[in-house]
């Protein structure tokens, strides 16, 4: 898997509450511990889910399974999700639990990173795509490491900005967070469009 193929998948992994959460955590009281715990949880869950689908993909290929029917179902679901996201764009609000992140603990941050990056619908699809891609080409599972590394690096950007710029970052991060909150529906549409393109490519490839 080339870097150009990895980068879009990494951005899909962090779109939405996945990147909003580390921004909130970077403004929390124990931001260093919370940010590190969040990234550790994310690293564990991404690795586990990607490995699972890699093993499943290798097994399915060994049995001669075709994935066209599954890709067709996913395409229909993505189109419905895209329409729903657009129709409810004015009602979109950040989850209530995000308001609690400024007082989060490292334990909570770890669980949040594990659940968001491992079991959020778009992240499951992305990890499944990476695992299946590697399995289909007979590549080793270690080829997923660049994908995981880039995703974690993006998640670490809020805390890295805070480390580098100090007080200036403390003023910038809340503005970035508010912009993400206001435009979350746009991010969701971009994510869904990416998956639609990827699904169509698999159907016609």
Protein backbone atom coordinates (compact mmCIF):
# COMPACT_ATOMS: atom_id res chain seq x y z
CA UNK A 1 0.00 0.00 0.00
CA UNK A 2 1.58 3.28 -1.13
CA UNK A 3 1.72 6.47 0.92
CA UNK A 4 -0.77 8.13 -1.45
CA UNK A 5 -3.25 5.35 -0.69
CA UNK A 6 -2.63 5.47 3.04
CA UNK A 7 -3.08 9.21 3.53
CA UNK A 8 -6.79 9.43 2.55
CA UNK A 9 -7.58 6.45 4.76
CA UNK A 10 -5.81 8.08 7.71
CA UNK A 11 -7.81 11.29 7.28
CA UNK A 12 -11.03 9.29 7.10
CA UNK A 13 -10.09 7.61 10.39
CA UNK A 14 -9.86 10.92 12.26
CA UNK A 15 -12.76 12.88 10.72
CA UNK A 16 -15.48 13.82 13.20
CA UNK A 17 -15.36 13.20 16.97
CA UNK A 18 -12.09 11.30 16.58
CA UNK A 19 -10.13 14.53 15.98
CA UNK A 20 -12.45 16.74 18.04
CA UNK A 21 -11.72 14.66 21.13
CA UNK A 22 -7.92 15.23 21.20
CA UNK A 23 -8.57 18.95 20.68
CA UNK A 24 -10.79 18.95 23.78
CA UNK A 25 -8.29 16.82 25.68
CA UNK A 26 -5.46 19.21 24.79
CA UNK A 27 -7.36 21.91 26.71
CA UNK A 28 -8.02 19.65 29.73
CA UNK A 29 -6.27 19.91 33.09
CA UNK A 30 -4.05 16.83 32.68
CA UNK A 31 -3.70 17.24 28.94
CA UNK A 32 -0.37 15.42 28.60
CA UNK A 33 -1.56 12.24 30.30
CA UNK A 34 -5.01 12.42 28.71
CA UNK A 35 -3.66 12.94 25.19
CA UNK A 36 -1.15 10.09 25.56
CA UNK A 37 -3.83 7.75 26.95
CA UNK A 38 -6.21 8.62 24.11
CA UNK A 39 -3.58 7.88 21.45
CA UNK A 40 -2.58 4.64 23.18
CA UNK A 41 -6.19 3.46 23.22
CA UNK A 42 -6.56 4.40 19.56
CA UNK A 43 -3.37 2.54 18.62
CA UNK A 44 -4.56 -0.62 20.34
CA UNK A 45 -8.03 -0.65 18.80
CA UNK A 46 -6.91 0.23 15.25
CA UNK A 47 -4.32 -2.54 15.39
CA UNK A 48 -6.80 -5.11 16.68
CA UNK A 49 -9.56 -4.29 14.18
CA UNK A 50 -7.20 -4.12 11.21
CA UNK A 51 -5.65 -7.45 12.20
CA UNK A 52 -9.07 -9.04 12.58
CA UNK A 53 -10.19 -8.07 9.08
CA UNK A 54 -6.83 -9.10 7.68
CA UNK A 55 -7.29 -12.60 9.08
CA UNK A 56 -10.92 -12.71 7.91
CA UNK A 57 -9.88 -11.52 4.45
CA UNK A 58 -7.21 -14.17 4.12
CA UNK A 59 -9.71 -16.82 5.19
CA UNK A 60 -12.39 -15.61 2.79
CA UNK A 61 -9.98 -15.54 -0.13
CA UNK A 62 -8.92 -19.06 0.71
CA UNK A 63 -12.53 -20.18 0.32
CA UNK A 64 -13.07 -18.29 -2.96
CA UNK A 65 -15.56 -15.83 -1.49
CA UNK A 66 -16.74 -12.91 -3.69
CA UNK A 67 -17.25 -9.50 -2.09
CA UNK A 68 -19.36 -7.78 -4.81
CA UNK A 69 -22.67 -8.38 -2.99
CA UNK A 70 -21.25 -6.93 0.22
CA UNK A 71 -19.86 -3.90 -1.59
CA UNK A 72 -23.30 -3.31 -3.16
CA UNK A 73 -25.00 -3.32 0.23
CA UNK A 74 -22.38 -0.94 1.65
CA UNK A 75 -22.86 1.43 -1.30
CA UNK A 76 -26.64 1.66 -0.70
CA UNK A 77 -26.11 2.28 3.03
CA UNK A 78 -23.55 5.01 2.30
CA UNK A 79 -25.90 6.78 -0.09
CA UNK A 80 -28.69 6.71 2.50
CA UNK A 81 -26.27 8.01 5.16
CA UNK A 82 -25.14 10.81 2.86
CA UNK A 83 -28.71 11.99 2.24
CA UNK A 84 -29.54 11.76 5.94
CA UNK A 85 -26.44 13.75 6.92
CA UNK A 86 -27.31 16.52 4.47
CA UNK A 87 -30.96 16.71 5.54
CA UNK A 88 -30.05 16.97 9.23
CA UNK A 89 -27.07 19.31 8.80
CA UNK A 90 -28.78 22.22 10.60
CA UNK A 91 -29.50 19.99 13.60
CA UNK A 92 -25.97 18.64 13.91
CA UNK A 93 -24.43 19.18 17.35
CA UNK A 94 -21.38 17.71 19.06
CA UNK A 95 -22.14 14.77 21.37
CA UNK A 96 -22.98 15.77 24.93
CA UNK A 97 -20.10 13.74 26.34
CA UNK A 98 -17.60 16.07 24.63
CA UNK A 99 -18.40 18.72 27.20
CA UNK A 100 -16.91 16.42 29.84
CA UNK A 101 -13.53 16.07 28.15
CA UNK A 102 -12.04 19.17 29.79
CA UNK A 103 -12.25 17.31 33.13
CA UNK A 104 -11.39 13.87 31.70
CA UNK A 105 -9.07 11.37 33.37
CA UNK A 106 -6.38 9.28 31.59
CA UNK A 107 -8.49 6.14 32.12
CA UNK A 108 -11.50 7.75 30.46
CA UNK A 109 -9.31 9.11 27.66
CA UNK A 110 -7.88 5.64 26.98
CA UNK A 111 -11.34 4.09 26.75
CA UNK A 112 -12.52 6.92 24.50
CA UNK A 113 -9.61 6.48 22.09
CA UNK A 114 -10.12 2.72 22.04
CA UNK A 115 -13.86 2.93 21.32
CA UNK A 116 -13.86 5.85 18.87
CA UNK A 117 -11.02 4.66 16.66
CA UNK A 118 -11.90 0.98 16.88
CA UNK A 119 -15.68 0.84 16.77
CA UNK A 120 -16.97 4.07 15.20
CA UNK A 121 -18.76 3.01 11.95
CA UNK A 122 -16.47 4.87 9.55
CA UNK A 123 -13.38 3.63 11.37
CA UNK A 124 -14.51 0.01 11.22
CA UNK A 125 -14.99 0.39 7.45
CA UNK A 126 -11.58 1.99 7.04
CA UNK A 127 -9.73 -0.59 9.10
CA UNK A 128 -11.61 -3.31 7.24
CA UNK A 129 -10.52 -1.79 3.93
CA UNK A 130 -6.86 -1.74 4.98
CA UNK A 131 -6.92 -5.29 6.34
CA UNK A 132 -8.77 -6.62 3.29
CA UNK A 133 -6.48 -4.75 0.90
CA UNK A 134 -3.37 -6.30 2.43
CA UNK A 135 -4.95 -9.76 2.58
CA UNK A 136 -6.08 -9.63 -1.06
CA UNK A 137 -2.55 -8.83 -2.22
CA UNK A 138 -0.84 -11.37 0.00
CA UNK A 139 1.03 -8.60 1.80
CA UNK A 140 2.23 -9.06 5.41
CA UNK A 141 0.17 -7.52 8.19
CA UNK A 142 3.16 -5.31 9.11
CA UNK A 143 2.43 -3.28 5.97
CA UNK A 144 -0.45 -1.73 7.94
CA UNK A 145 2.00 -0.02 10.30
CA UNK A 146 2.42 3.14 8.15
CA UNK A 147 -1.39 3.56 8.04
CA UNK A 148 -1.63 3.21 11.82
CA UNK A 149 1.35 5.51 12.38
CA UNK A 150 0.00 8.32 10.18
CA UNK A 151 -3.41 8.11 11.85
CA UNK A 152 -1.85 8.39 15.32
CA UNK A 153 0.37 11.27 14.21
CA UNK A 154 -2.67 13.25 13.08
CA UNK A 155 -4.42 12.53 16.37
CA UNK A 156 -1.34 13.82 18.21
CA UNK A 157 -1.28 17.15 16.33
CA UNK A 158 -3.36 19.12 18.92
CA UNK A 159 -1.03 18.15 21.77
CA UNK A 160 2.06 18.69 19.60
CA UNK A 161 0.82 22.19 18.72
CA UNK A 162 0.32 22.90 22.42
CA UNK A 163 3.85 21.70 23.19
CA UNK A 164 5.35 23.82 20.42
CA UNK A 165 3.41 27.07 20.80
CA UNK A 166 2.25 27.15 24.41
CA UNK A 167 -0.12 30.02 25.20
CA UNK A 168 -0.69 30.87 21.54
CA UNK A 169 -1.92 27.32 20.99
CA UNK A 170 -4.25 27.61 23.99
CA UNK A 171 -5.99 30.47 22.19
CA UNK A 172 -6.00 28.74 18.79
CA UNK A 173 -7.24 25.26 19.76
CA UNK A 174 -10.67 26.37 21.07
CA UNK A 175 -11.23 28.25 17.78
CA UNK A 176 -10.27 25.15 15.80
CA UNK A 177 -12.57 23.09 18.00
CA UNK A 178 -15.51 25.47 17.42
CA UNK A 179 -14.90 25.44 13.66
CA UNK A 180 -14.91 21.64 13.67
CA UNK A 181 -18.14 21.60 15.67
CA UNK A 182 -19.88 23.96 13.26
CA UNK A 183 -18.68 22.17 10.13
CA UNK A 184 -18.87 18.57 11.30
CA UNK A 185 -21.59 17.72 8.78
CA UNK A 186 -19.28 18.79 5.94
CA UNK A 187 -16.56 16.50 7.26
CA UNK A 188 -19.05 13.65 7.48
CA UNK A 189 -20.11 14.17 3.86
CA UNK A 190 -16.48 14.13 2.71
CA UNK A 191 -15.89 10.89 4.62
CA UNK A 192 -18.98 9.26 3.11
CA UNK A 193 -18.04 10.41 -0.39
CA UNK A 194 -14.62 8.83 0.03
CA UNK A 195 -16.16 5.51 0.98
CA UNK A 196 -18.62 5.69 -1.92
CA UNK A 197 -15.72 6.18 -4.32
CA UNK A 198 -13.77 3.35 -2.70
CA UNK A 199 -16.80 1.02 -2.85
CA UNK A 200 -17.50 1.79 -6.50
CA UNK A 201 -13.84 1.16 -7.28
CA UNK A 202 -14.08 -2.27 -5.64
CA UNK A 203 -17.28 -3.07 -7.53
CA UNK A 204 -15.85 -2.15 -10.92
CA UNK A 205 -12.25 -3.19 -10.32
